[in-house]
Amino acid sequence: MKILSILLFSIIIIHSSCSKQDDKEPSDILGYQLLEEITGHWVGSNVTAFGNFDWFAFDFRPISASHVHSIYEGATQQNIITSIFIAEFEGKKQIMARNGGWLGNQYRATYFVLDQAEESDDVKFYRLVDAVGKEKRAYIELKFENDTMYFDAYKDDSGSLDQPYHHMGFKGTNYNPTFAESAVQQFNFPQEIAEIDLENKFVNLIDPDSALFLNEDEDPFPKSMHGHLSDLNITFEKDSQIENEPLLLYFSTAPIINENGQVDFDNLDKKVVRTITIQPEESFYGATYLHPDTYYVTAFSDLDNNFFPSQGDIGNISKEILITPEDIFSINLNVEKSIQ
């Protein structure tokens, strides 16, 4: 399993069959069906400007009646959040996206608007473009076909707004659409309700050609306005053998390491929703934007650098914790179990 440690630009779009509502009247909102298509837990491969990754996962679930959310956390202050939602923009309700988070001490958030949707029984295609610079600044192409999602993202780095280059490509399968079922039912998702009003919010920008914000207090839709999600603070106690070693921290919906130090590789491959690197000097990590669910939290020293717990590594027995909405939780992990 590979982990993506830095990704400057990512919007991962998720396809799901868990919440099809074919009996509803067609929506007047362009691309409205995308809210259902993106919902789920996709696992696949990712080709990026920073390298190729043969395992990658994102967990998209509703956090309101018209908003789905996911996050990639690579390490402390190194995350990418991605939201797809309905907003009031340019005089009407539209499908929009927010992509951003932290890279070190630098905050960033960029907004996109859907401008193309082509939907048939066999293939569905969507495009979202920068809400200000449109396709000349950045755009996302999403194709859903044969239970597979193909995602390609393009962005302009030259400043000339002429030749956006291929920045990222993800191909994956929705392994676990059921992860989102409780939220779908709770919010009667999706509904044609605007999550936020973004009219006249993209003014006095740091880049006049992009809906980009580099200060959280200027972001029109910051974390403080996202409901339903929670935080988890984790403290690590490491065996003396690995005191100066980094850890890999995995969140999954089923246990990975049992009390005998044995690894469930099927759960490792199909039930992991987050992969995070913990540096040797770090004894604490704060996970954010957690969907309510029961999780198993596993940390291990990847001494052979194969990105999964294997014989000779030291980890903890996967620790179960129930996360409920809009709260802060804390756990302690004793990373001292020899992996068999």
Protein backbone atom coordinates (compact mmCIF):
# COMPACT_ATOMS: atom_id res chain seq x y z
CA MET A 1 0.00 0.00 0.00
CA LYS A 2 1.37 3.41 -0.92
CA ILE A 3 0.68 6.68 0.83
CA LEU A 4 0.50 10.07 -0.86
CA SER A 5 2.43 12.42 1.40
CA ILE A 6 1.89 15.70 -0.48
CA LEU A 7 -0.80 16.50 -3.01
CA LEU A 8 -1.27 20.15 -3.96
CA PHE A 9 -4.44 19.72 -5.93
CA SER A 10 -6.94 16.98 -5.55
CA ILE A 11 -10.60 16.58 -6.06
CA ILE A 12 -11.68 12.99 -5.84
CA ILE A 13 -15.17 12.26 -7.12
CA ILE A 14 -16.96 9.18 -5.82
CA HIS A 15 -19.57 6.91 -7.48
CA SER A 16 -22.13 5.02 -5.44
CA SER A 17 -25.14 2.81 -5.98
CA CYS A 18 -26.32 3.06 -2.38
CA SER A 19 -28.75 5.93 -2.84
CA LYS A 20 -30.25 5.95 -6.30
CA GLN A 21 -33.51 7.83 -6.38
CA ASP A 22 -34.78 7.15 -9.90
CA ASP A 23 -38.36 7.90 -8.93
CA LYS A 24 -37.63 11.59 -8.34
CA GLU A 25 -38.49 14.26 -10.87
CA PRO A 26 -35.53 15.54 -12.91
CA SER A 27 -33.80 18.47 -11.22
CA ASP A 28 -33.35 21.89 -12.79
CA ILE A 29 -29.88 22.02 -11.21
CA LEU A 30 -27.24 21.08 -13.79
CA GLY A 31 -25.41 17.92 -12.71
CA TYR A 32 -27.61 17.38 -9.65
CA GLN A 33 -27.15 13.60 -9.95
CA LEU A 34 -23.45 14.06 -9.18
CA LEU A 35 -24.37 14.40 -5.50
CA GLU A 36 -25.44 10.75 -5.58
CA GLU A 37 -22.66 9.60 -7.87
CA ILE A 38 -19.91 10.90 -5.59
CA THR A 39 -21.19 9.26 -2.41
CA GLY A 40 -19.18 6.27 -1.19
CA HIS A 41 -15.78 4.82 -0.32
CA TRP A 42 -13.60 4.42 -3.39
CA VAL A 43 -10.37 2.45 -3.51
CA GLY A 44 -8.10 2.50 -6.53
CA SER A 45 -4.90 3.82 -8.03
CA ASN A 46 -3.74 7.40 -8.38
CA VAL A 47 -1.38 8.93 -10.95
CA THR A 48 -0.18 12.38 -9.90
CA ALA A 49 2.42 14.99 -10.69
CA PHE A 50 4.27 13.70 -7.61
CA GLY A 51 4.34 10.03 -8.57
CA ASN A 52 2.12 7.01 -9.07
CA PHE A 53 0.29 5.35 -6.18
CA ASP A 54 -1.13 1.86 -6.55
CA TRP A 55 -3.42 2.20 -3.51
CA PHE A 56 -5.48 5.26 -2.68
CA ALA A 57 -8.81 5.76 -0.92
CA PHE A 58 -11.26 8.55 -0.20
CA ASP A 59 -14.40 8.37 1.91
CA PHE A 60 -17.19 10.66 0.69
CA ARG A 61 -20.34 10.89 2.83
CA PRO A 62 -23.12 13.46 3.20
CA ILE A 63 -22.75 16.01 5.97
CA SER A 64 -26.01 17.79 5.16
CA ALA A 65 -28.95 17.46 2.78
CA SER A 66 -26.89 18.79 -0.13
CA HIS A 67 -23.21 18.41 0.77
CA VAL A 68 -20.77 15.49 0.58
CA HIS A 69 -17.31 15.68 2.11
CA SER A 70 -14.01 13.80 2.22
CA ILE A 71 -10.48 14.47 3.46
CA TYR A 72 -7.01 13.14 2.74
CA GLU A 73 -4.64 13.54 5.70
CA GLY A 74 -1.02 12.92 4.81
CA ALA A 75 0.58 14.13 8.04
CA THR A 76 0.41 16.93 10.60
CA GLN A 77 -0.65 20.13 8.81
CA GLN A 78 -0.71 18.28 5.52
CA ASN A 79 -4.24 17.57 4.37
CA ILE A 80 -6.60 17.97 1.46
CA ILE A 81 -10.33 18.42 2.01
CA THR A 82 -12.82 18.05 -0.82
CA SER A 83 -16.51 19.02 -0.71
CA ILE A 84 -19.22 18.86 -3.36
CA PHE A 85 -22.37 20.83 -2.54
CA ILE A 86 -25.20 23.03 -3.81
CA ALA A 87 -24.63 26.78 -3.51
CA GLU A 88 -26.34 29.96 -4.58
CA PHE A 89 -23.99 31.37 -7.20
CA GLU A 90 -24.41 33.56 -10.27
CA GLY A 91 -28.13 33.96 -9.64
CA LYS A 92 -29.08 30.30 -9.29
CA LYS A 93 -28.50 27.06 -7.40
CA GLN A 94 -25.42 25.31 -8.76
CA ILE A 95 -23.22 22.31 -7.98
CA MET A 96 -19.93 23.59 -6.61
CA ALA A 97 -16.78 22.16 -5.05
CA ARG A 98 -14.34 23.33 -2.40
CA ASN A 99 -10.80 21.94 -2.39
CA GLY A 100 -8.22 22.95 0.18
CA GLY A 101 -6.64 22.45 3.57
CA TRP A 102 -3.13 22.90 4.94
CA LEU A 103 0.33 22.33 3.50
CA GLY A 104 2.64 23.08 6.39
CA ASN A 105 1.72 26.52 7.65
CA GLN A 106 0.04 27.49 4.38
CA TYR A 107 -3.75 27.41 4.21
CA ARG A 108 -5.51 27.27 0.85
CA ALA A 109 -9.04 26.78 -0.45
CA THR A 110 -10.22 26.95 -4.07
CA TYR A 111 -13.81 26.94 -5.35
CA PHE A 112 -15.12 25.28 -8.50
CA VAL A 113 -18.46 25.32 -10.30
CA LEU A 114 -19.97 22.59 -12.47
CA ASP A 115 -20.38 23.69 -16.09
CA GLN A 116 -20.91 20.41 -17.97
CA ALA A 117 -23.01 17.31 -17.30
CA GLU A 118 -23.69 14.52 -19.79
CA GLU A 119 -25.72 11.64 -18.37
CA SER A 120 -26.86 8.41 -20.00
CA ASP A 121 -27.69 4.96 -18.64
CA ASP A 122 -24.16 3.73 -19.34
CA VAL A 123 -21.87 6.73 -18.92
CA LYS A 124 -22.01 9.89 -16.83
CA PHE A 125 -19.60 12.77 -17.36
CA TYR A 126 -19.16 15.96 -15.31
CA ARG A 127 -16.80 18.91 -15.44
CA LEU A 128 -16.15 21.51 -12.74
CA VAL A 129 -14.09 24.63 -13.45
CA ASP A 130 -12.48 27.30 -11.30
CA ALA A 131 -15.32 29.59 -10.18
CA VAL A 132 -13.42 32.65 -11.43
CA GLY A 133 -10.81 31.63 -14.01
CA LYS A 134 -12.97 28.80 -15.40
CA GLU A 135 -11.32 26.06 -17.47
CA LYS A 136 -8.26 28.22 -18.26
CA ARG A 137 -7.23 28.17 -14.60
CA ALA A 138 -8.25 24.66 -13.48
CA TYR A 139 -10.84 22.03 -14.21
CA ILE A 140 -11.90 18.52 -13.24
CA GLU A 141 -13.24 15.85 -15.58
CA LEU A 142 -15.20 12.96 -14.05
CA LYS A 143 -16.45 9.91 -15.90
CA PHE A 144 -18.46 7.07 -14.37
CA GLU A 145 -18.65 3.92 -16.46
CA ASN A 146 -19.04 0.19 -15.71
CA ASP A 147 -18.91 0.77 -11.94
CA THR A 148 -15.59 2.57 -12.34
CA MET A 149 -14.84 6.21 -11.70
CA TYR A 150 -12.23 7.96 -13.88
CA PHE A 151 -11.08 11.31 -12.55
CA ASP A 152 -8.68 13.71 -14.23
CA ALA A 153 -7.70 17.11 -12.85
CA TYR A 154 -5.95 19.87 -14.75
CA LYS A 155 -4.45 23.13 -13.53
CA ASP A 156 -2.45 26.04 -14.87
CA ASP A 157 0.94 26.71 -13.30
CA SER A 158 2.37 29.17 -15.81
CA GLY A 159 0.10 32.09 -14.95
CA SER A 160 -0.70 32.59 -18.62
CA LEU A 161 -4.03 30.70 -18.46
CA ASP A 162 -3.29 28.97 -21.74
CA GLN A 163 -2.18 25.35 -21.19
CA PRO A 164 -3.44 23.69 -18.00
CA TYR A 165 -1.52 20.44 -17.52
CA HIS A 166 -2.63 17.06 -16.24
CA HIS A 167 -2.15 17.14 -12.48
CA MET A 168 -3.88 14.04 -11.20
CA GLY A 169 -5.75 10.93 -12.34
CA PHE A 170 -7.65 8.51 -10.14
CA LYS A 171 -9.32 5.25 -11.19
CA GLY A 172 -11.25 3.37 -8.56
CA THR A 173 -14.14 1.19 -7.46
CA ASN A 174 -16.69 1.97 -4.79
CA TYR A 175 -15.81 -0.84 -2.38
CA ASN A 176 -18.11 0.26 0.43
CA PRO A 177 -21.15 2.34 -0.54
CA THR A 178 -22.73 1.27 2.77
CA PHE A 179 -20.34 3.53 4.70
CA ALA A 180 -22.55 6.48 3.72
CA GLU A 181 -25.96 4.88 4.22
CA SER A 182 -26.73 6.22 7.69
CA ALA A 183 -25.92 9.80 6.67
CA VAL A 184 -27.94 9.43 3.47
CA GLN A 185 -30.95 8.39 5.54
CA GLN A 186 -30.38 10.97 8.27
CA PHE A 187 -30.33 13.90 5.82
CA ASN A 188 -32.70 12.40 3.23
CA PHE A 189 -29.82 13.09 0.90
CA PRO A 190 -29.76 14.62 -1.64
CA GLN A 191 -32.14 17.55 -1.55
CA GLU A 192 -32.26 20.65 -3.74
CA ILE A 193 -31.23 22.93 -0.90
CA ALA A 194 -28.42 25.47 -1.09
CA GLU A 195 -25.78 24.71 1.51
CA ILE A 196 -24.31 28.21 1.30
CA ASP A 197 -24.68 31.50 -0.57
CA LEU A 198 -21.50 32.26 -2.52
CA GLU A 199 -22.81 35.28 -4.42
CA ASN A 200 -20.22 38.06 -4.51
CA LYS A 201 -17.81 36.08 -2.32
CA PHE A 202 -14.98 35.95 -4.85
CA VAL A 203 -13.82 39.57 -4.73
CA ASN A 204 -10.51 41.16 -3.72
CA LEU A 205 -8.78 37.87 -4.46
CA ILE A 206 -5.07 37.26 -4.06
CA ASP A 207 -5.15 35.89 -7.63
CA PRO A 208 -7.67 37.75 -9.81
CA ASP A 209 -7.93 34.68 -12.08
CA SER A 210 -8.81 32.11 -9.41
CA ALA A 211 -11.32 31.63 -6.59
CA LEU A 212 -8.40 30.96 -4.24
CA PHE A 213 -8.08 31.88 -0.55
CA LEU A 214 -4.83 31.66 1.43
CA ASN A 215 -6.18 32.83 4.78
CA GLU A 216 -8.81 30.84 6.66
CA ASP A 217 -10.46 33.96 8.08
CA GLU A 218 -11.13 35.13 4.50
CA ASP A 219 -12.51 31.78 3.28
CA PRO A 220 -16.28 32.14 2.70
CA PHE A 221 -16.94 28.50 3.71
CA PRO A 222 -14.32 27.51 6.35
CA LYS A 223 -14.23 24.41 8.57
CA SER A 224 -16.21 26.18 11.30
CA MET A 225 -19.22 26.24 8.97
CA HIS A 226 -19.12 22.50 8.21
CA GLY A 227 -21.51 20.60 10.44
CA HIS A 228 -21.81 16.91 11.39
CA LEU A 229 -18.03 16.27 11.46
CA SER A 230 -15.83 15.62 14.50
CA ASP A 231 -12.18 15.61 15.66
CA LEU A 232 -10.07 12.89 17.28
CA ASN A 233 -6.91 13.55 19.32
CA ILE A 234 -4.48 10.63 19.45
CA THR A 235 -1.55 10.17 21.84
CA PHE A 236 1.14 7.58 21.04
CA GLU A 237 3.21 5.54 23.49
CA LYS A 238 5.90 3.69 21.55
CA ASP A 239 7.99 0.67 22.40
CA SER A 240 11.61 1.66 23.07
CA GLN A 241 12.70 -0.28 19.96
CA ILE A 242 10.86 2.17 17.73
CA GLU A 243 11.29 5.33 19.79
CA ASN A 244 13.06 7.08 16.91
CA GLU A 245 11.00 5.58 14.09
CA PRO A 246 8.08 7.13 12.20
CA LEU A 247 4.64 5.52 12.38
CA LEU A 248 1.93 4.91 9.84
CA LEU A 249 -1.51 5.65 11.25
CA TYR A 250 -4.54 4.02 9.62
CA PHE A 251 -8.25 4.59 10.18
CA SER A 252 -10.46 1.69 9.13
CA THR A 253 -14.00 0.45 9.68
CA ALA A 254 -12.80 -3.03 10.68
CA PRO A 255 -9.78 -4.15 12.75
CA ILE A 256 -6.39 -4.60 11.09
CA ILE A 257 -4.18 -5.99 13.90
CA ASN A 258 -5.65 -8.42 16.44
CA GLU A 259 -4.56 -9.30 19.98
CA ASN A 260 -2.14 -11.94 18.64
CA GLY A 261 -0.38 -9.47 16.38
CA GLN A 262 -1.95 -10.97 13.25
CA VAL A 263 -2.96 -8.76 10.32
CA ASP A 264 -6.27 -8.94 8.46
CA PHE A 265 -5.11 -8.10 4.95
CA ASP A 266 -8.60 -8.01 3.45
CA ASN A 267 -9.60 -5.27 5.93
CA LEU A 268 -6.30 -3.54 5.22
CA ASP A 269 -7.06 -3.47 1.51
CA LYS A 270 -10.79 -2.70 1.57
CA LYS A 271 -11.74 -1.03 4.88
CA VAL A 272 -9.09 1.68 5.32
CA VAL A 273 -10.38 5.24 4.93
CA ARG A 274 -7.32 7.28 6.00
CA THR A 275 -3.54 6.82 5.90
CA ILE A 276 -1.32 9.25 7.80
CA THR A 277 2.43 9.55 8.45
CA ILE A 278 3.50 10.33 12.02
CA GLN A 279 7.04 11.69 12.35
CA PRO A 280 9.48 10.18 14.90
CA GLU A 281 9.37 13.23 17.18
CA GLU A 282 5.55 13.37 17.25
CA SER A 283 3.71 11.81 20.18
CA PHE A 284 0.37 13.40 19.30
CA TYR A 285 -1.86 13.72 16.24
CA GLY A 286 -5.15 15.53 15.79
CA ALA A 287 -7.42 14.05 13.10
CA THR A 288 -10.08 16.40 11.75
CA TYR A 289 -13.25 16.27 9.62
CA LEU A 290 -14.18 12.77 10.85
CA HIS A 291 -17.49 11.35 9.70
CA PRO A 292 -19.55 9.84 12.53
CA ASP A 293 -18.92 6.08 12.60
CA THR A 294 -17.20 3.31 14.54
CA TYR A 295 -13.52 3.25 13.62
CA TYR A 296 -10.51 1.07 14.34
CA VAL A 297 -7.35 3.10 14.79
CA THR A 298 -4.04 1.35 14.06
CA ALA A 299 -0.47 2.65 14.18
CA PHE A 300 2.64 0.70 13.28
CA SER A 301 6.32 1.16 12.56
CA ASP A 302 6.88 0.31 8.91
CA LEU A 303 10.44 -0.90 9.38
CA ASP A 304 10.61 -2.62 5.99
CA ASN A 305 8.97 0.33 4.15
CA ASN A 306 6.32 -1.78 2.43
CA PHE A 307 3.45 0.45 3.64
CA PHE A 308 1.56 -2.27 5.52
CA PRO A 309 2.04 -3.98 8.91
CA SER A 310 4.16 -7.08 8.38
CA GLN A 311 6.38 -9.44 10.35
CA GLY A 312 9.07 -7.51 12.20
CA ASP A 313 7.03 -4.33 12.48
CA ILE A 314 5.62 -3.12 15.81
CA GLY A 315 2.06 -1.82 16.09
CA ASN A 316 -0.94 -1.58 18.37
CA ILE A 317 -3.95 -3.83 18.61
CA SER A 318 -6.49 -1.96 16.47
CA LYS A 319 -8.39 0.27 18.87
CA GLU A 320 -12.13 0.74 18.46
CA ILE A 321 -13.78 4.12 18.99
CA LEU A 322 -17.28 5.41 18.31
CA ILE A 323 -17.31 8.91 16.77
CA THR A 324 -20.56 10.84 17.12
CA PRO A 325 -21.38 14.14 15.35
CA GLU A 326 -19.81 17.48 16.18
CA ASP A 327 -17.63 16.51 19.12
CA ILE A 328 -13.97 16.10 20.09
CA PHE A 329 -12.64 12.70 21.19
CA SER A 330 -9.33 11.44 22.59
CA ILE A 331 -7.60 8.05 22.66
CA ASN A 332 -4.20 6.63 23.59
CA LEU A 333 -2.40 4.05 21.42
CA ASN A 334 0.21 1.73 22.91
CA VAL A 335 2.41 0.84 19.94
CA GLU A 336 4.22 -2.16 21.38
CA LYS A 337 2.77 -5.29 19.72
CA SER A 338 5.08 -7.38 17.53
CA ILE A 339 3.49 -8.12 14.17
CA GLN A 340 3.39 -11.82 13.30
